[in-house]
C-alpha atoms as a PDB file:
ATOM      1  CA  UNK A   1     -46.986 -73.965 -66.257  1.00  0.00           C
ATOM      2  CA  UNK A   2     -44.316 -76.414 -67.338  1.00  0.00           C
ATOM      3  CA  UNK A   3     -43.921 -79.979 -66.176  1.00  0.00           C
ATOM      4  CA  UNK A   4     -40.778 -81.934 -66.962  1.00  0.00           C
ATOM      5  CA  UNK A   5     -40.552 -85.651 -66.289  1.00  0.00           C
ATOM      6  CA  UNK A   6     -37.175 -87.253 -65.772  1.00  0.00           C
ATOM      7  CA  UNK A   7     -35.746 -90.565 -64.714  1.00  0.00           C
ATOM      8  CA  UNK A   8     -34.103 -93.716 -66.012  1.00  0.00           C
ATOM      9  CA  UNK A   9     -35.283 -94.836 -69.394  1.00  0.00           C
ATOM     10  CA  UNK A  10     -34.508 -98.475 -68.670  1.00  0.00           C
ATOM     11  CA  UNK A  11     -35.456-100.435 -65.584  1.00  0.00           C
ATOM     12  CA  UNK A  12     -34.910-104.123 -64.924  1.00  0.00           C
ATOM     13  CA  UNK A  13     -37.788-106.398 -64.011  1.00  0.00           C
ATOM     14  CA  UNK A  14     -38.525-106.608 -60.273  1.00  0.00           C
ATOM     15  CA  UNK A  15     -36.818-103.277 -59.635  1.00  0.00           C
ATOM     16  CA  UNK A  16     -38.431 -99.995 -58.641  1.00  0.00           C
ATOM     17  CA  UNK A  17     -39.192 -97.384 -61.254  1.00  0.00           C
ATOM     18  CA  UNK A  18     -38.551 -93.862 -59.983  1.00  0.00           C
ATOM     19  CA  UNK A  19     -39.514 -90.722 -61.863  1.00  0.00           C
ATOM     20  CA  UNK A  20     -39.475 -87.031 -61.056  1.00  0.00           C
ATOM     21  CA  UNK A  21     -41.714 -84.282 -62.359  1.00  0.00           C
ATOM     22  CA  UNK A  22     -40.185 -80.858 -61.987  1.00  0.00           C
ATOM     23  CA  UNK A  23     -42.805 -78.138 -61.984  1.00  0.00           C
ATOM     24  CA  UNK A  24     -42.343 -74.503 -62.938  1.00  0.00           C
ATOM     25  CA  UNK A  25     -44.905 -71.766 -63.113  1.00  0.00           C
ATOM     26  CA  UNK A  26     -47.043 -73.201 -60.327  1.00  0.00           C
ATOM     27  CA  UNK A  27     -46.560 -74.450 -56.813  1.00  0.00           C
ATOM     28  CA  UNK A  28     -47.050 -78.128 -56.037  1.00  0.00           C
ATOM     29  CA  UNK A  29     -48.656 -76.960 -52.802  1.00  0.00           C
ATOM     30  CA  UNK A  30     -51.570 -75.081 -54.328  1.00  0.00           C
ATOM     31  CA  UNK A  31     -55.124 -75.500 -53.117  1.00  0.00           C
ATOM     32  CA  UNK A  32     -57.482 -76.993 -55.651  1.00  0.00           C
ATOM     33  CA  UNK A  33     -54.666 -78.471 -57.741  1.00  0.00           C
ATOM     34  CA  UNK A  34     -54.017 -82.161 -58.152  1.00  0.00           C
ATOM     35  CA  UNK A  35     -50.738 -83.578 -59.431  1.00  0.00           C
ATOM     36  CA  UNK A  36     -51.135 -86.846 -61.259  1.00  0.00           C
ATOM     37  CA  UNK A  37     -49.081 -89.524 -62.880  1.00  0.00           C
ATOM     38  CA  UNK A  38     -50.548 -91.081 -66.001  1.00  0.00           C
ATOM     39  CA  UNK A  39     -49.004 -93.628 -68.322  1.00  0.00           C
ATOM     40  CA  UNK A  40     -49.575 -94.999 -71.773  1.00  0.00           C
ATOM     41  CA  UNK A  41     -48.287 -98.405 -72.732  1.00  0.00           C
ATOM     42  CA  UNK A  42     -47.605 -99.193 -76.392  1.00  0.00           C
ATOM     43  CA  UNK A  43     -50.842 -99.617 -78.284  1.00  0.00           C
ATOM     44  CA  UNK A  44     -52.978 -98.858 -75.243  1.00  0.00           C
ATOM     45  CA  UNK A  45     -54.884 -95.925 -73.856  1.00  0.00           C
ATOM     46  CA  UNK A  46     -53.992 -93.587 -71.059  1.00  0.00           C
ATOM     47  CA  UNK A  47     -53.939 -95.129 -67.601  1.00  0.00           C
ATOM     48  CA  UNK A  48     -54.302 -92.913 -64.559  1.00  0.00           C
ATOM     49  CA  UNK A  49     -51.967 -94.074 -61.812  1.00  0.00           C
ATOM     50  CA  UNK A  50     -52.683 -91.707 -58.971  1.00  0.00           C
ATOM     51  CA  UNK A  51     -52.481 -88.160 -57.687  1.00  0.00           C
ATOM     52  CA  UNK A  52     -51.496 -85.992 -54.767  1.00  0.00           C
ATOM     53  CA  UNK A  53     -53.403 -82.864 -53.785  1.00  0.00           C
ATOM     54  CA  UNK A  54     -52.529 -80.024 -51.429  1.00  0.00           C
ATOM     55  CA  UNK A  55     -53.404 -82.095 -48.368  1.00  0.00           C
ATOM     56  CA  UNK A  56     -50.644 -84.546 -49.195  1.00  0.00           C
ATOM     57  CA  UNK A  57     -53.055 -87.451 -49.063  1.00  0.00           C
ATOM     58  CA  UNK A  58     -52.495 -89.711 -52.032  1.00  0.00           C
ATOM     59  CA  UNK A  59     -54.994 -91.519 -54.213  1.00  0.00           C
ATOM     60  CA  UNK A  60     -54.066 -94.446 -56.413  1.00  0.00           C
ATOM     61  CA  UNK A  61     -55.553 -96.626 -59.066  1.00  0.00           C
ATOM     62  CA  UNK A  62     -56.801 -99.747 -57.288  1.00  0.00           C
ATOM     63  CA  UNK A  63     -54.847-101.958 -59.647  1.00  0.00           C
ATOM     64  CA  UNK A  64     -51.566-100.206 -58.816  1.00  0.00           C
ATOM     65  CA  UNK A  65     -52.147 -99.103 -55.239  1.00  0.00           C
ATOM     66  CA  UNK A  66     -50.015-101.744 -53.585  1.00  0.00           C
ATOM     67  CA  UNK A  67     -46.951-100.851 -55.661  1.00  0.00           C
ATOM     68  CA  UNK A  68     -47.262 -97.105 -56.218  1.00  0.00           C
ATOM     69  CA  UNK A  69     -46.055 -94.164 -54.185  1.00  0.00           C
ATOM     70  CA  UNK A  70     -46.542 -90.558 -55.216  1.00  0.00           C
ATOM     71  CA  UNK A  71     -44.906 -87.863 -53.157  1.00  0.00           C
ATOM     72  CA  UNK A  72     -43.855 -84.249 -53.432  1.00  0.00           C
ATOM     73  CA  UNK A  73     -40.999 -82.038 -52.389  1.00  0.00           C
ATOM     74  CA  UNK A  74     -42.305 -78.533 -51.833  1.00  0.00           C
ATOM     75  CA  UNK A  75     -38.813 -77.098 -51.366  1.00  0.00           C
ATOM     76  CA  UNK A  76     -37.839 -78.267 -54.857  1.00  0.00           C
ATOM     77  CA  UNK A  77     -41.349 -77.974 -56.306  1.00  0.00           C
ATOM     78  CA  UNK A  78     -41.449 -81.443 -57.716  1.00  0.00           C
ATOM     79  CA  UNK A  79     -43.587 -84.563 -57.723  1.00  0.00           C
ATOM     80  CA  UNK A  80     -42.164 -88.067 -57.636  1.00  0.00           C
ATOM     81  CA  UNK A  81     -43.438 -91.467 -58.663  1.00  0.00           C
ATOM     82  CA  UNK A  82     -42.212 -94.806 -57.452  1.00  0.00           C
ATOM     83  CA  UNK A  83     -43.555 -98.058 -58.867  1.00  0.00           C
ATOM     84  CA  UNK A  84     -42.131-101.166 -57.303  1.00  0.00           C
ATOM     85  CA  UNK A  85     -41.732-104.708 -58.590  1.00  0.00           C
ATOM     86  CA  UNK A  86     -42.053-103.699 -62.215  1.00  0.00           C
ATOM     87  CA  UNK A  87     -42.594-106.154 -65.029  1.00  0.00           C
ATOM     88  CA  UNK A  88     -42.272-105.597 -68.783  1.00  0.00           C
ATOM     89  CA  UNK A  89     -45.952-104.624 -68.731  1.00  0.00           C
ATOM     90  CA  UNK A  90     -44.869-101.391 -67.048  1.00  0.00           C
ATOM     91  CA  UNK A  91     -43.140-100.308 -70.251  1.00  0.00           C
ATOM     92  CA  UNK A  92     -44.860 -97.073 -71.167  1.00  0.00           C
ATOM     93  CA  UNK A  93     -44.588 -93.361 -71.610  1.00  0.00           C
ATOM     94  CA  UNK A  94     -45.095 -91.791 -68.210  1.00  0.00           C
ATOM     95  CA  UNK A  95     -46.656 -88.362 -67.892  1.00  0.00           C
ATOM     96  CA  UNK A  96     -47.183 -86.012 -65.019  1.00  0.00           C
ATOM     97  CA  UNK A  97     -50.162 -83.731 -65.228  1.00  0.00           C
ATOM     98  CA  UNK A  98     -51.698 -80.837 -63.377  1.00  0.00           C
ATOM     99  CA  UNK A  99     -55.416 -80.905 -62.782  1.00  0.00           C
ATOM    100  CA  UNK A 100     -58.022 -78.745 -61.160  1.00  0.00           C
ATOM    101  CA  UNK A 101     -61.658 -79.534 -60.495  1.00  0.00           C
ATOM    102  CA  UNK A 102     -62.237 -78.724 -64.179  1.00  0.00           C
ATOM    103  CA  UNK A 103     -59.855 -81.406 -65.379  1.00  0.00           C
ATOM    104  CA  UNK A 104     -56.294 -81.699 -66.636  1.00  0.00           C
ATOM    105  CA  UNK A 105     -54.931 -78.375 -67.798  1.00  0.00           C
ATOM    106  CA  UNK A 106     -51.205 -79.057 -68.132  1.00  0.00           C
ATOM    107  CA  UNK A 107     -49.204 -82.067 -69.256  1.00  0.00           C
ATOM    108  CA  UNK A 108     -45.555 -82.865 -69.261  1.00  0.00           C
ATOM    109  CA  UNK A 109     -44.012 -84.080 -72.502  1.00  0.00           C
ATOM    110  CA  UNK A 110     -43.730 -87.593 -71.118  1.00  0.00           C
ATOM    111  CA  UNK A 111     -40.791 -89.862 -70.539  1.00  0.00           C
ATOM    112  CA  UNK A 112     -40.330 -93.312 -72.015  1.00  0.00           C
ATOM    113  CA  UNK A 113     -39.597 -96.096 -69.569  1.00  0.00           C
ATOM    114  CA  UNK A 114     -38.730 -99.567 -70.771  1.00  0.00           C
ATOM    115  CA  UNK A 115     -38.680-102.528 -68.430  1.00  0.00           C
ATOM    116  CA  UNK A 116     -36.281-105.125 -69.717  1.00  0.00           C
ATOM    117  CA  UNK A 117     -33.430-107.265 -68.529  1.00  0.00           C
END
């Protein structure tokens, strides 16, 4: 399974950050699989942002729920992340990850996003 994150590396404050995770080797519409977005800000630990399972229902970190949207495109086999009203604190490496009930078993290489004017 390969996951490849892509999107703008620079976003201005107050704008919406949009990233895509293109998946190969697995279907984003697979039972028992959860597709997550996770980020790591400089000098900080990993922060789980949310995930989308087969049902299409989404689950978000409470601290980001009001500004986060995770969706999928089954025809293109990709997962998307949108984070609105970003501030410089959203500067981080953003990862998509594939999980099962046993935990994360595949990671993308990550994409750096910097929020700056």
